[in-house]
N, C-alpha and C. Protein backbone atom coordinates (compact mmCIF):
# COMPACT_ATOMS: atom_id res chain seq x y z
N MET A 1 24.79 118.80 79.56
CA MET A 1 25.77 119.65 78.93
C MET A 1 26.45 118.88 77.81
N GLU A 2 26.65 119.58 76.72
CA GLU A 2 27.34 119.00 75.57
C GLU A 2 28.74 119.60 75.50
N ILE A 3 29.74 118.76 75.22
CA ILE A 3 31.11 119.21 75.06
C ILE A 3 31.51 119.00 73.60
N VAL A 4 32.00 120.08 72.96
CA VAL A 4 32.41 120.03 71.55
C VAL A 4 33.89 120.37 71.48
N ARG A 5 34.67 119.51 70.82
CA ARG A 5 36.12 119.73 70.71
C ARG A 5 36.62 119.79 69.26
N ILE A 6 35.82 119.42 68.31
CA ILE A 6 36.28 119.31 66.92
C ILE A 6 35.48 120.27 66.04
N GLY A 7 36.18 120.94 65.12
CA GLY A 7 35.51 121.76 64.13
C GLY A 7 34.96 123.07 64.67
N LEU A 8 35.59 123.61 65.69
CA LEU A 8 35.10 124.87 66.27
C LEU A 8 35.54 126.04 65.40
N PRO A 9 34.62 126.88 64.97
CA PRO A 9 34.94 127.95 64.02
C PRO A 9 35.72 129.11 64.64
N ASN A 10 35.79 129.20 65.95
CA ASN A 10 36.41 130.37 66.57
C ASN A 10 37.77 130.07 67.19
N ASN A 11 38.39 128.94 66.84
CA ASN A 11 39.71 128.55 67.32
C ASN A 11 39.79 128.29 68.81
N SER A 12 38.69 127.99 69.44
CA SER A 12 38.73 127.63 70.86
C SER A 12 39.14 126.16 70.98
N TYR A 13 39.68 125.81 72.17
CA TYR A 13 40.03 124.41 72.44
C TYR A 13 38.78 123.56 72.60
N VAL A 14 37.81 124.15 73.27
CA VAL A 14 36.62 123.39 73.63
C VAL A 14 35.45 124.35 73.78
N GLN A 15 34.27 123.84 73.52
CA GLN A 15 33.04 124.61 73.71
C GLN A 15 32.10 123.76 74.55
N PHE A 16 31.57 124.34 75.62
CA PHE A 16 30.60 123.68 76.48
C PHE A 16 29.25 124.31 76.21
N ASN A 17 28.27 123.50 75.82
CA ASN A 17 26.91 123.98 75.56
C ASN A 17 26.03 123.60 76.73
N CYS A 18 25.58 124.60 77.47
CA CYS A 18 24.75 124.37 78.66
C CYS A 18 23.31 124.10 78.26
N SER A 19 22.56 123.55 79.19
CA SER A 19 21.19 123.11 78.90
C SER A 19 20.23 124.25 78.60
N ARG A 20 20.54 125.47 79.05
CA ARG A 20 19.65 126.61 78.77
C ARG A 20 20.13 127.45 77.59
N GLY A 21 21.07 126.92 76.81
CA GLY A 21 21.48 127.59 75.58
C GLY A 21 22.75 128.41 75.67
N GLU A 22 23.32 128.58 76.85
CA GLU A 22 24.58 129.31 76.95
C GLU A 22 25.70 128.44 76.39
N SER A 23 26.70 129.06 75.78
CA SER A 23 27.89 128.32 75.37
C SER A 23 29.10 128.99 76.00
N VAL A 24 30.02 128.17 76.47
CA VAL A 24 31.24 128.65 77.12
C VAL A 24 32.41 128.11 76.30
N HIS A 25 33.33 129.00 75.94
CA HIS A 25 34.45 128.67 75.05
C HIS A 25 35.76 128.89 75.79
N VAL A 26 36.72 128.00 75.56
CA VAL A 26 38.04 128.11 76.19
C VAL A 26 39.08 128.28 75.10
N PHE A 27 39.89 129.34 75.23
CA PHE A 27 40.93 129.69 74.27
C PHE A 27 42.29 129.67 74.96
N GLN A 28 43.34 129.67 74.16
CA GLN A 28 44.69 129.80 74.70
C GLN A 28 44.88 131.23 75.19
N GLY A 29 45.46 131.36 76.39
CA GLY A 29 45.77 132.66 76.94
C GLY A 29 47.25 132.97 76.80
N GLN A 30 47.70 134.08 77.43
CA GLN A 30 49.09 134.52 77.28
C GLN A 30 49.77 134.85 78.61
N LEU A 31 49.07 134.73 79.74
CA LEU A 31 49.65 135.14 81.01
C LEU A 31 50.66 134.14 81.57
N SER A 32 50.50 132.89 81.21
CA SER A 32 51.41 131.84 81.67
C SER A 32 51.44 130.76 80.59
N PRO A 33 52.35 129.80 80.68
CA PRO A 33 52.46 128.80 79.60
C PRO A 33 51.17 128.04 79.31
N TYR A 34 50.33 127.81 80.31
CA TYR A 34 49.11 127.04 80.10
C TYR A 34 47.85 127.85 80.40
N ASP A 35 47.98 129.14 80.30
CA ASP A 35 46.85 130.05 80.55
C ASP A 35 45.69 129.73 79.61
N ILE A 36 44.49 129.99 80.12
CA ILE A 36 43.29 129.88 79.29
C ILE A 36 42.52 131.19 79.36
N ILE A 37 41.78 131.45 78.32
CA ILE A 37 40.85 132.57 78.29
C ILE A 37 39.45 131.97 78.15
N ILE A 38 38.53 132.46 78.95
CA ILE A 38 37.16 131.96 78.96
C ILE A 38 36.26 133.03 78.37
N LYS A 39 35.41 132.62 77.47
CA LYS A 39 34.40 133.52 76.90
C LYS A 39 33.09 132.76 76.84
N TYR A 40 32.00 133.52 76.85
CA TYR A 40 30.70 132.86 76.77
C TYR A 40 29.78 133.63 75.84
N ARG A 41 28.79 132.91 75.37
CA ARG A 41 27.75 133.49 74.51
C ARG A 41 26.42 133.09 75.12
N GLN A 42 25.51 134.04 75.17
CA GLN A 42 24.21 133.79 75.79
C GLN A 42 23.13 134.47 74.96
N HIS A 43 22.11 133.71 74.59
CA HIS A 43 20.97 134.26 73.85
C HIS A 43 21.41 134.99 72.58
N GLY A 44 22.36 134.41 71.85
CA GLY A 44 22.80 134.99 70.59
C GLY A 44 23.74 136.18 70.72
N SER A 45 24.25 136.45 71.90
CA SER A 45 25.15 137.59 72.11
C SER A 45 26.50 137.32 71.44
N ARG A 46 27.32 138.34 71.38
CA ARG A 46 28.70 138.16 70.95
C ARG A 46 29.44 137.42 72.07
N LEU A 47 30.63 136.93 71.78
CA LEU A 47 31.43 136.29 72.82
C LEU A 47 31.83 137.35 73.85
N ARG A 48 31.66 137.02 75.11
CA ARG A 48 31.97 137.94 76.21
C ARG A 48 32.92 137.26 77.19
N THR A 49 33.74 138.06 77.85
CA THR A 49 34.63 137.54 78.88
C THR A 49 33.97 137.71 80.23
N PRO A 50 33.74 136.61 80.96
CA PRO A 50 33.10 136.75 82.28
C PRO A 50 34.06 137.36 83.29
N LYS A 51 33.55 138.21 84.11
CA LYS A 51 34.31 138.81 85.21
C LYS A 51 33.68 138.34 86.51
N HIS A 52 34.45 138.41 87.59
CA HIS A 52 33.90 138.02 88.89
C HIS A 52 32.61 138.77 89.20
N ILE A 53 32.57 140.04 88.89
CA ILE A 53 31.43 140.86 89.27
C ILE A 53 30.14 140.36 88.62
N HIS A 54 30.21 139.76 87.43
CA HIS A 54 29.01 139.28 86.75
C HIS A 54 28.33 138.18 87.54
N TRP A 55 29.07 137.13 87.90
CA TRP A 55 28.44 136.03 88.63
C TRP A 55 28.15 136.41 90.07
N VAL A 56 28.94 137.34 90.64
CA VAL A 56 28.69 137.78 92.02
C VAL A 56 27.34 138.48 92.12
N VAL A 57 27.04 139.36 91.19
CA VAL A 57 25.73 140.04 91.21
C VAL A 57 24.62 139.02 91.09
N ASP A 58 24.80 138.02 90.24
CA ASP A 58 23.78 136.98 90.10
C ASP A 58 23.61 136.20 91.40
N ILE A 59 24.70 135.86 92.06
CA ILE A 59 24.64 135.16 93.35
C ILE A 59 23.90 136.02 94.37
N LEU A 60 24.16 137.32 94.37
CA LEU A 60 23.47 138.21 95.32
C LEU A 60 21.97 138.21 95.07
N LEU A 61 21.56 138.19 93.81
CA LEU A 61 20.13 138.12 93.49
C LEU A 61 19.53 136.80 93.97
N LYS A 62 20.24 135.73 93.75
CA LYS A 62 19.77 134.42 94.21
C LYS A 62 19.71 134.37 95.74
N LYS A 63 20.70 134.97 96.38
CA LYS A 63 20.75 134.95 97.85
C LYS A 63 19.61 135.76 98.45
N GLN A 64 19.24 136.83 97.80
CA GLN A 64 18.11 137.63 98.26
C GLN A 64 16.82 136.81 98.23
N ALA A 65 16.68 135.98 97.20
CA ALA A 65 15.46 135.18 97.03
C ALA A 65 15.46 133.91 97.89
N ASP A 66 16.61 133.25 98.00
CA ASP A 66 16.68 131.99 98.76
C ASP A 66 18.06 131.87 99.41
N PRO A 67 18.24 132.50 100.57
CA PRO A 67 19.56 132.52 101.22
C PRO A 67 20.11 131.13 101.53
N GLN A 68 19.27 130.23 102.02
CA GLN A 68 19.76 128.92 102.43
C GLN A 68 20.27 128.11 101.23
N LEU A 69 19.50 128.09 100.17
CA LEU A 69 19.91 127.33 98.99
C LEU A 69 21.14 127.97 98.33
N THR A 70 21.19 129.30 98.32
CA THR A 70 22.35 129.98 97.74
C THR A 70 23.60 129.70 98.56
N ASN A 71 23.46 129.63 99.87
CA ASN A 71 24.62 129.29 100.71
C ASN A 71 25.10 127.87 100.41
N GLN A 72 24.18 126.96 100.08
CA GLN A 72 24.59 125.61 99.68
C GLN A 72 25.39 125.65 98.38
N LEU A 73 24.95 126.51 97.45
CA LEU A 73 25.71 126.69 96.21
C LEU A 73 27.09 127.24 96.52
N LEU A 74 27.16 128.24 97.38
CA LEU A 74 28.46 128.82 97.74
C LEU A 74 29.37 127.79 98.41
N GLU A 75 28.80 126.95 99.25
CA GLU A 75 29.61 125.89 99.87
C GLU A 75 30.13 124.91 98.82
N HIS A 76 29.31 124.61 97.81
CA HIS A 76 29.78 123.76 96.71
C HIS A 76 30.91 124.45 95.95
N LEU A 77 30.78 125.74 95.71
CA LEU A 77 31.83 126.48 95.00
C LEU A 77 33.12 126.52 95.82
N ILE A 78 33.01 126.66 97.14
CA ILE A 78 34.20 126.63 97.99
C ILE A 78 34.84 125.24 97.95
N HIS A 79 34.03 124.20 97.96
CA HIS A 79 34.55 122.83 97.80
C HIS A 79 35.32 122.73 96.47
N MET A 80 34.76 123.29 95.42
CA MET A 80 35.42 123.28 94.12
C MET A 80 36.77 123.98 94.22
N TRP A 81 36.79 125.16 94.84
CA TRP A 81 38.04 125.92 94.98
C TRP A 81 39.10 125.08 95.69
N ASN A 82 38.69 124.42 96.75
CA ASN A 82 39.64 123.64 97.55
C ASN A 82 40.15 122.41 96.80
N ASN A 83 39.46 121.98 95.77
CA ASN A 83 39.81 120.73 95.10
C ASN A 83 40.21 120.87 93.63
N CYS A 84 39.98 122.01 93.01
CA CYS A 84 40.36 122.14 91.60
C CYS A 84 41.87 122.30 91.48
N GLN A 85 42.38 121.87 90.36
CA GLN A 85 43.82 121.86 90.13
C GLN A 85 44.17 122.75 88.93
N PRO A 86 45.37 123.33 88.95
CA PRO A 86 45.81 124.12 87.79
C PRO A 86 46.11 123.21 86.60
N ILE A 87 46.16 123.80 85.44
CA ILE A 87 46.57 123.10 84.23
C ILE A 87 48.09 123.03 84.25
N ILE A 88 48.65 121.84 84.01
CA ILE A 88 50.11 121.69 84.10
C ILE A 88 50.76 121.27 82.79
N ASN A 89 49.97 121.05 81.74
CA ASN A 89 50.57 120.74 80.44
C ASN A 89 49.56 121.05 79.33
N ASN A 90 50.06 121.09 78.11
CA ASN A 90 49.22 121.48 76.98
C ASN A 90 48.13 120.45 76.69
N ALA A 91 48.44 119.17 76.83
CA ALA A 91 47.43 118.13 76.59
C ALA A 91 46.27 118.28 77.56
N GLN A 92 46.57 118.58 78.81
CA GLN A 92 45.51 118.78 79.81
C GLN A 92 44.65 119.99 79.44
N ARG A 93 45.30 121.04 78.96
CA ARG A 93 44.54 122.24 78.57
C ARG A 93 43.60 121.91 77.41
N GLN A 94 44.09 121.16 76.44
CA GLN A 94 43.26 120.84 75.28
C GLN A 94 42.14 119.86 75.60
N ARG A 95 42.28 119.07 76.65
CA ARG A 95 41.26 118.09 77.04
C ARG A 95 40.47 118.55 78.26
N LEU A 96 40.51 119.82 78.55
CA LEU A 96 39.86 120.38 79.73
C LEU A 96 38.40 119.92 79.81
N THR A 97 38.05 119.34 80.95
CA THR A 97 36.69 118.83 81.17
C THR A 97 36.25 119.20 82.58
N PRO A 98 35.06 119.74 82.76
CA PRO A 98 34.58 120.10 84.10
C PRO A 98 34.54 118.89 85.02
N GLN A 99 34.92 119.09 86.27
CA GLN A 99 34.95 118.02 87.26
C GLN A 99 33.88 118.17 88.33
N PHE A 100 33.21 119.31 88.39
CA PHE A 100 32.36 119.61 89.54
C PHE A 100 30.91 119.91 89.18
N LEU A 101 30.43 119.38 88.08
CA LEU A 101 29.04 119.62 87.68
C LEU A 101 28.07 118.66 88.36
N ASP A 102 28.56 117.88 89.31
CA ASP A 102 27.72 116.92 90.03
C ASP A 102 27.13 117.53 91.30
N TYR A 103 26.77 118.77 91.25
CA TYR A 103 26.18 119.46 92.40
C TYR A 103 24.78 118.91 92.68
N PRO A 104 24.27 119.10 93.92
CA PRO A 104 22.92 118.61 94.24
C PRO A 104 21.87 119.22 93.31
N SER A 105 20.99 118.41 92.78
CA SER A 105 20.00 118.88 91.80
C SER A 105 19.08 119.95 92.39
N ALA A 106 18.91 119.96 93.71
CA ALA A 106 18.06 120.98 94.34
C ALA A 106 18.57 122.39 94.06
N LEU A 107 19.87 122.52 93.80
CA LEU A 107 20.43 123.85 93.51
C LEU A 107 19.86 124.43 92.22
N ASN A 108 19.35 123.58 91.35
CA ASN A 108 18.74 124.08 90.11
C ASN A 108 17.52 124.94 90.37
N ASP A 109 16.93 124.85 91.57
CA ASP A 109 15.82 125.74 91.92
C ASP A 109 16.25 127.20 91.89
N LEU A 110 17.56 127.44 92.04
CA LEU A 110 18.07 128.82 91.98
C LEU A 110 17.99 129.40 90.58
N ASP A 111 17.74 128.56 89.58
CA ASP A 111 17.58 129.05 88.21
C ASP A 111 16.39 130.00 88.09
N ASN A 112 15.48 129.95 89.05
CA ASN A 112 14.31 130.83 89.05
C ASN A 112 14.64 132.26 89.45
N TYR A 113 15.86 132.49 89.91
CA TYR A 113 16.27 133.82 90.39
C TYR A 113 17.55 134.23 89.67
N GLY A 114 17.71 135.53 89.53
CA GLY A 114 18.92 136.02 88.89
C GLY A 114 18.87 135.83 87.39
N TYR A 115 20.03 135.88 86.79
CA TYR A 115 20.15 135.89 85.34
C TYR A 115 20.73 134.59 84.80
N TYR A 116 21.69 134.00 85.52
CA TYR A 116 22.40 132.83 85.05
C TYR A 116 21.84 131.55 85.66
N SER A 117 21.97 130.45 84.93
CA SER A 117 21.59 129.14 85.46
C SER A 117 22.67 128.65 86.42
N THR A 118 22.28 127.76 87.31
CA THR A 118 23.24 127.16 88.24
C THR A 118 24.32 126.41 87.46
N GLU A 119 23.92 125.68 86.45
CA GLU A 119 24.88 124.95 85.62
C GLU A 119 25.93 125.89 85.04
N PHE A 120 25.48 127.02 84.51
CA PHE A 120 26.39 128.00 83.91
C PHE A 120 27.33 128.58 84.97
N ILE A 121 26.79 128.95 86.13
CA ILE A 121 27.63 129.52 87.19
C ILE A 121 28.69 128.52 87.63
N VAL A 122 28.29 127.27 87.85
CA VAL A 122 29.25 126.25 88.31
C VAL A 122 30.32 126.01 87.25
N LEU A 123 29.93 125.93 85.99
CA LEU A 123 30.90 125.73 84.91
C LEU A 123 31.87 126.90 84.80
N VAL A 124 31.34 128.11 84.71
CA VAL A 124 32.21 129.28 84.57
C VAL A 124 33.08 129.45 85.81
N ALA A 125 32.52 129.21 86.99
CA ALA A 125 33.30 129.31 88.22
C ALA A 125 34.47 128.33 88.19
N GLU A 126 34.21 127.09 87.80
CA GLU A 126 35.30 126.11 87.75
C GLU A 126 36.38 126.54 86.77
N LEU A 127 35.99 127.00 85.61
CA LEU A 127 36.97 127.44 84.62
C LEU A 127 37.77 128.64 85.11
N LEU A 128 37.10 129.60 85.76
CA LEU A 128 37.81 130.75 86.31
C LEU A 128 38.76 130.34 87.43
N MET A 129 38.35 129.37 88.24
CA MET A 129 39.23 128.86 89.31
C MET A 129 40.47 128.21 88.72
N VAL A 130 40.28 127.37 87.71
CA VAL A 130 41.41 126.71 87.06
C VAL A 130 42.32 127.76 86.44
N GLN A 131 41.74 128.75 85.79
CA GLN A 131 42.52 129.83 85.18
C GLN A 131 43.35 130.55 86.24
N GLU A 132 42.72 130.90 87.35
CA GLU A 132 43.41 131.63 88.41
C GLU A 132 44.55 130.80 89.00
N LYS A 133 44.29 129.53 89.29
CA LYS A 133 45.31 128.67 89.88
C LYS A 133 46.42 128.34 88.89
N THR A 134 46.10 128.27 87.60
CA THR A 134 47.12 128.02 86.58
C THR A 134 48.07 129.20 86.47
N ASN A 135 47.55 130.39 86.53
CA ASN A 135 48.37 131.58 86.35
C ASN A 135 49.11 131.99 87.61
N ASN A 136 48.60 131.60 88.77
CA ASN A 136 49.25 131.94 90.03
C ASN A 136 48.87 130.92 91.10
N PRO A 137 49.74 129.95 91.36
CA PRO A 137 49.40 128.90 92.34
C PRO A 137 49.10 129.44 93.74
N GLU A 138 49.53 130.65 94.04
CA GLU A 138 49.27 131.26 95.34
C GLU A 138 48.01 132.14 95.33
N ALA A 139 47.29 132.12 94.24
CA ALA A 139 46.10 132.98 94.10
C ALA A 139 45.05 132.65 95.14
N TYR A 140 44.28 133.66 95.49
CA TYR A 140 43.23 133.47 96.49
C TYR A 140 42.01 134.34 96.21
N MET A 141 42.00 135.09 95.13
CA MET A 141 40.93 136.04 94.82
C MET A 141 39.56 135.36 94.79
N PHE A 142 39.47 134.26 94.08
CA PHE A 142 38.19 133.59 93.94
C PHE A 142 37.67 133.13 95.30
N TYR A 143 38.55 132.53 96.09
CA TYR A 143 38.14 132.07 97.42
C TYR A 143 37.70 133.25 98.28
N LYS A 144 38.42 134.34 98.19
CA LYS A 144 38.07 135.52 98.98
C LYS A 144 36.67 136.04 98.62
N VAL A 145 36.35 136.03 97.34
CA VAL A 145 35.02 136.47 96.90
C VAL A 145 33.95 135.50 97.42
N LEU A 146 34.19 134.20 97.29
CA LEU A 146 33.23 133.21 97.78
C LEU A 146 33.00 133.33 99.28
N ASN A 147 34.08 133.47 100.02
CA ASN A 147 33.98 133.59 101.47
C ASN A 147 33.21 134.85 101.86
N SER A 148 33.46 135.93 101.15
CA SER A 148 32.75 137.18 101.40
C SER A 148 31.25 137.02 101.14
N LEU A 149 30.90 136.35 100.05
CA LEU A 149 29.49 136.12 99.73
C LEU A 149 28.81 135.24 100.77
N LEU A 150 29.53 134.25 101.27
CA LEU A 150 28.95 133.31 102.22
C LEU A 150 28.78 133.91 103.60
N HIS A 151 29.74 134.75 104.02
CA HIS A 151 29.77 135.19 105.41
C HIS A 151 29.49 136.67 105.64
N SER A 152 29.22 137.41 104.59
CA SER A 152 29.03 138.85 104.77
C SER A 152 27.75 139.31 104.08
N ASN A 153 27.13 140.31 104.67
CA ASN A 153 25.99 140.97 104.03
C ASN A 153 26.35 142.40 103.66
N ASP A 154 27.64 142.73 103.75
CA ASP A 154 28.10 144.08 103.45
C ASP A 154 28.31 144.21 101.94
N LEU A 155 27.34 144.80 101.27
CA LEU A 155 27.36 144.91 99.82
C LEU A 155 28.63 145.58 99.32
N PHE A 156 29.06 146.66 99.98
CA PHE A 156 30.24 147.39 99.54
C PHE A 156 31.47 146.48 99.53
N SER A 157 31.68 145.73 100.61
CA SER A 157 32.88 144.89 100.67
C SER A 157 32.80 143.73 99.67
N ILE A 158 31.61 143.18 99.47
CA ILE A 158 31.46 142.09 98.50
C ILE A 158 31.78 142.60 97.09
N ILE A 159 31.19 143.71 96.71
CA ILE A 159 31.42 144.27 95.37
C ILE A 159 32.88 144.72 95.22
N SER A 160 33.46 145.31 96.25
CA SER A 160 34.86 145.73 96.19
C SER A 160 35.78 144.54 95.98
N THR A 161 35.53 143.46 96.70
CA THR A 161 36.34 142.26 96.56
C THR A 161 36.20 141.67 95.15
N ALA A 162 34.98 141.62 94.65
CA ALA A 162 34.72 141.02 93.34
C ALA A 162 35.28 141.86 92.19
N SER A 163 35.41 143.15 92.38
CA SER A 163 35.86 144.02 91.29
C SER A 163 37.30 144.47 91.45
N PHE A 164 38.02 143.95 92.45
CA PHE A 164 39.43 144.30 92.65
C PHE A 164 40.24 143.86 91.45
N ARG A 165 41.11 144.73 90.97
CA ARG A 165 41.89 144.42 89.77
C ARG A 165 43.38 144.37 90.02
N GLY A 166 43.82 144.42 91.27
CA GLY A 166 45.23 144.23 91.58
C GLY A 166 46.13 145.40 91.24
N ARG A 167 45.59 146.58 91.19
CA ARG A 167 46.43 147.74 90.86
C ARG A 167 46.95 148.41 92.09
């Protein structure tokens, strides 16, 4: 993965270029003092905002093909949730660097299933976790989705949890 911090044309703080060509961009948000907005570009697309439902559907596809390996990925993501920290100052936000890309290389076999690479899922998941914890230290949505994916086969409840919007 390549990290770019200087000369970004779209006013992002940082751009992460994944090995399969995806780019993930981090911008200043407005929900809290150190909020971030995450957007990604894939295969020449416009910048898009990832939602929980996007990576959840991809995890479900991977789980259908290789349940054991996908559960290992989910356990890594839960470890990330338990250990990632919110952003607490502007300098930290501007120097944001992924901490959890050291997942077992065997998980890359999941790249053969679904739409997203394991590297992309882990990166976007970490950024979404940091965003959620920065905006609400009591947040639990991401963990709830991960736990549902790991322990449930009920498609309705998994999709409902992933698409909940707090209304």
